[in-house]
Amino acid sequence: ADGSRLDTKQFKWFCKGLLLSVPYGASIGGIATLTGTPPNLVLKSIFEATFPGQKSVDYQTWFTVAFPPSLILIIAGWTFLCLVYARSSYWNLITGKFIWDKSGNTYKGW
């Protein structure tokens, strides 16, 4: 593709990256909060059953521990998706500078 038209094969590859970004984001975002995913609550109940005398895991404690790795994972995931699925000709599409229609016409701006 010369940058003015979308190559069908590249466009499908780009769409795969967009589709993968949804579950990646949901999984990574679910790690950061106690109620984000069910396994987090299961771990909380197992911890409380195993260590009954210890301080309970609350929302703030969980977020304090889980947010930094979640932030690192979201940056790594975004970088991976951009490097693998977004080719240089699609950078304007990612940033919203250009929109293409099916016939290859370019519309500037949103």
C-alpha atoms as a PDB file:
ATOM      1  CA  ALA A   1       0.000   0.000   0.000  1.00  0.00           C
ATOM      2  CA  ASP A   2       1.193   3.491  -0.787  1.00  0.00           C
ATOM      3  CA  GLY A   3      -0.393   5.100   2.276  1.00  0.00           C
ATOM      4  CA  SER A   4      -3.405   6.498   0.429  1.00  0.00           C
ATOM      5  CA  ARG A   5      -5.262   3.209   0.051  1.00  0.00           C
ATOM      6  CA  LEU A   6      -5.809   0.377   2.460  1.00  0.00           C
ATOM      7  CA  ASP A   7      -4.388  -2.947   1.379  1.00  0.00           C
ATOM      8  CA  THR A   8      -7.001  -5.593   2.210  1.00  0.00           C
ATOM      9  CA  LYS A   9      -4.507  -8.043   3.737  1.00  0.00           C
ATOM     10  CA  GLN A  10      -2.869  -5.332   5.872  1.00  0.00           C
ATOM     11  CA  PHE A  11      -6.262  -3.987   6.894  1.00  0.00           C
ATOM     12  CA  LYS A  12      -7.383  -7.438   8.077  1.00  0.00           C
ATOM     13  CA  TRP A  13      -4.112  -7.767  10.015  1.00  0.00           C
ATOM     14  CA  PHE A  14      -4.744  -4.362  11.608  1.00  0.00           C
ATOM     15  CA  CYS A  15      -8.311  -5.397  12.498  1.00  0.00           C
ATOM     16  CA  LYS A  16      -6.964  -8.505  14.244  1.00  0.00           C
ATOM     17  CA  GLY A  17      -4.814  -6.245  16.387  1.00  0.00           C
ATOM     18  CA  LEU A  18      -7.815  -4.106  17.277  1.00  0.00           C
ATOM     19  CA  LEU A  19      -9.829  -7.189  18.187  1.00  0.00           C
ATOM     20  CA  LEU A  20      -7.008  -8.489  20.385  1.00  0.00           C
ATOM     21  CA  SER A  21      -6.723  -5.154  22.177  1.00  0.00           C
ATOM     22  CA  VAL A  22     -10.162  -5.576  23.778  1.00  0.00           C
ATOM     23  CA  PRO A  23      -9.499  -8.810  25.707  1.00  0.00           C
ATOM     24  CA  TYR A  24      -5.926  -7.733  26.476  1.00  0.00           C
ATOM     25  CA  GLY A  25      -7.206  -4.483  27.968  1.00  0.00           C
ATOM     26  CA  ALA A  26      -9.967  -6.209  29.901  1.00  0.00           C
ATOM     27  CA  SER A  27      -7.615  -8.787  31.373  1.00  0.00           C
ATOM     28  CA  ILE A  28      -4.925  -6.283  32.276  1.00  0.00           C
ATOM     29  CA  GLY A  29      -7.452  -3.829  33.683  1.00  0.00           C
ATOM     30  CA  GLY A  30      -9.093  -6.583  35.716  1.00  0.00           C
ATOM     31  CA  ILE A  31      -5.829  -7.259  37.498  1.00  0.00           C
ATOM     32  CA  ALA A  32      -5.692  -3.771  38.987  1.00  0.00           C
ATOM     33  CA  THR A  33      -8.891  -3.923  41.032  1.00  0.00           C
ATOM     34  CA  LEU A  34     -10.103  -6.416  43.594  1.00  0.00           C
ATOM     35  CA  THR A  35     -13.473  -6.821  41.910  1.00  0.00           C
ATOM     36  CA  GLY A  36     -12.006  -6.654  38.393  1.00  0.00           C
ATOM     37  CA  THR A  37     -11.990 -10.411  37.844  1.00  0.00           C
ATOM     38  CA  PRO A  38     -13.417 -13.319  39.870  1.00  0.00           C
ATOM     39  CA  PRO A  39     -10.012 -14.938  40.550  1.00  0.00           C
ATOM     40  CA  ASN A  40      -9.014 -11.829  42.502  1.00  0.00           C
ATOM     41  CA  LEU A  41     -11.902 -12.378  44.911  1.00  0.00           C
ATOM     42  CA  VAL A  42     -11.098 -16.093  45.132  1.00  0.00           C
ATOM     43  CA  LEU A  43      -7.516 -15.234  46.096  1.00  0.00           C
ATOM     44  CA  LYS A  44      -8.829 -12.826  48.726  1.00  0.00           C
ATOM     45  CA  SER A  45     -11.050 -15.501  50.291  1.00  0.00           C
ATOM     46  CA  ILE A  46      -8.256 -18.104  50.196  1.00  0.00           C
ATOM     47  CA  PHE A  47      -5.875 -15.619  51.838  1.00  0.00           C
ATOM     48  CA  GLU A  48      -8.386 -14.832  54.578  1.00  0.00           C
ATOM     49  CA  ALA A  49      -9.075 -18.542  55.196  1.00  0.00           C
ATOM     50  CA  THR A  50      -5.388 -19.465  55.245  1.00  0.00           C
ATOM     51  CA  PHE A  51      -4.239 -16.537  57.401  1.00  0.00           C
ATOM     52  CA  PRO A  52      -7.195 -15.735  59.696  1.00  0.00           C
ATOM     53  CA  GLY A  53      -5.198 -13.545  62.093  1.00  0.00           C
ATOM     54  CA  GLN A  54      -3.774 -11.275  59.396  1.00  0.00           C
ATOM     55  CA  LYS A  55      -5.195  -7.990  58.154  1.00  0.00           C
ATOM     56  CA  SER A  56      -7.862  -8.535  55.507  1.00  0.00           C
ATOM     57  CA  VAL A  57      -7.139  -7.598  51.901  1.00  0.00           C
ATOM     58  CA  ASP A  58      -9.191  -4.514  51.102  1.00  0.00           C
ATOM     59  CA  TYR A  59      -9.724  -2.619  47.878  1.00  0.00           C
ATOM     60  CA  GLN A  60      -7.045  -0.010  48.559  1.00  0.00           C
ATOM     61  CA  THR A  61      -4.388  -2.571  49.501  1.00  0.00           C
ATOM     62  CA  TRP A  62      -5.113  -4.619  46.393  1.00  0.00           C
ATOM     63  CA  PHE A  63      -4.964  -1.566  44.130  1.00  0.00           C
ATOM     64  CA  THR A  64      -1.709  -0.376  45.710  1.00  0.00           C
ATOM     65  CA  VAL A  65      -0.053  -3.728  45.019  1.00  0.00           C
ATOM     66  CA  ALA A  66      -1.656  -4.580  41.668  1.00  0.00           C
ATOM     67  CA  PHE A  67      -1.740  -1.242  39.855  1.00  0.00           C
ATOM     68  CA  PRO A  68       2.002  -0.868  39.085  1.00  0.00           C
ATOM     69  CA  PRO A  69       2.281  -4.266  37.328  1.00  0.00           C
ATOM     70  CA  SER A  70      -0.986  -3.538  35.539  1.00  0.00           C
ATOM     71  CA  LEU A  71       0.395  -0.230  34.286  1.00  0.00           C
ATOM     72  CA  ILE A  72       3.564  -1.928  33.043  1.00  0.00           C
ATOM     73  CA  LEU A  73       1.503  -4.620  31.298  1.00  0.00           C
ATOM     74  CA  ILE A  74      -0.776  -2.111  29.569  1.00  0.00           C
ATOM     75  CA  ILE A  75       2.217  -0.178  28.234  1.00  0.00           C
ATOM     76  CA  ALA A  76       3.879  -3.423  27.105  1.00  0.00           C
ATOM     77  CA  GLY A  77       0.623  -4.623  25.517  1.00  0.00           C
ATOM     78  CA  TRP A  78       0.094  -1.356  23.659  1.00  0.00           C
ATOM     79  CA  THR A  79       3.687  -1.435  22.408  1.00  0.00           C
ATOM     80  CA  PHE A  80       3.334  -5.055  21.290  1.00  0.00           C
ATOM     81  CA  LEU A  81       0.074  -4.402  19.442  1.00  0.00           C
ATOM     82  CA  CYS A  82       1.479  -1.325  17.714  1.00  0.00           C
ATOM     83  CA  LEU A  83       4.697  -3.043  16.661  1.00  0.00           C
ATOM     84  CA  VAL A  84       3.094  -6.260  15.465  1.00  0.00           C
ATOM     85  CA  TYR A  85      -0.301  -5.211  14.107  1.00  0.00           C
ATOM     86  CA  ALA A  86      -0.041  -1.522  13.227  1.00  0.00           C
ATOM     87  CA  ARG A  87       2.195  -0.872  10.275  1.00  0.00           C
ATOM     88  CA  SER A  88       3.642   2.569   9.596  1.00  0.00           C
ATOM     89  CA  SER A  89       0.963   3.356   7.007  1.00  0.00           C
ATOM     90  CA  TYR A  90      -1.672   2.888   9.714  1.00  0.00           C
ATOM     91  CA  TRP A  91      -0.160   5.264  12.266  1.00  0.00           C
ATOM     92  CA  ASN A  92      -2.439   8.078  11.111  1.00  0.00           C
ATOM     93  CA  LEU A  93      -5.411   5.765  11.508  1.00  0.00           C
ATOM     94  CA  ILE A  94      -4.356   4.955  15.079  1.00  0.00           C
ATOM     95  CA  THR A  95      -3.891   8.607  15.995  1.00  0.00           C
ATOM     96  CA  GLY A  96      -7.153   9.587  14.290  1.00  0.00           C
ATOM     97  CA  LYS A  97      -5.611  11.925  11.728  1.00  0.00           C
ATOM     98  CA  PHE A  98      -7.110  10.137   8.730  1.00  0.00           C
ATOM     99  CA  ILE A  99     -10.085   7.928   7.976  1.00  0.00           C
ATOM    100  CA  TRP A 100     -10.343   5.741   4.874  1.00  0.00           C
ATOM    101  CA  ASP A 101     -13.506   4.508   3.250  1.00  0.00           C
ATOM    102  CA  LYS A 102     -13.861   1.264   1.254  1.00  0.00           C
ATOM    103  CA  SER A 103     -12.986   2.892  -2.073  1.00  0.00           C
ATOM    104  CA  GLY A 104      -9.707   4.229  -0.686  1.00  0.00           C
ATOM    105  CA  ASN A 105     -10.713   7.887  -0.428  1.00  0.00           C
ATOM    106  CA  THR A 106      -9.039   9.708   2.414  1.00  0.00           C
ATOM    107  CA  TYR A 107     -10.978  11.986   4.734  1.00  0.00           C
ATOM    108  CA  LYS A 108      -8.919  14.262   6.943  1.00  0.00           C
ATOM    109  CA  GLY A 109      -9.941  14.664  10.553  1.00  0.00           C
ATOM    110  CA  TRP A 110     -12.857  13.160  12.388  1.00  0.00           C
END
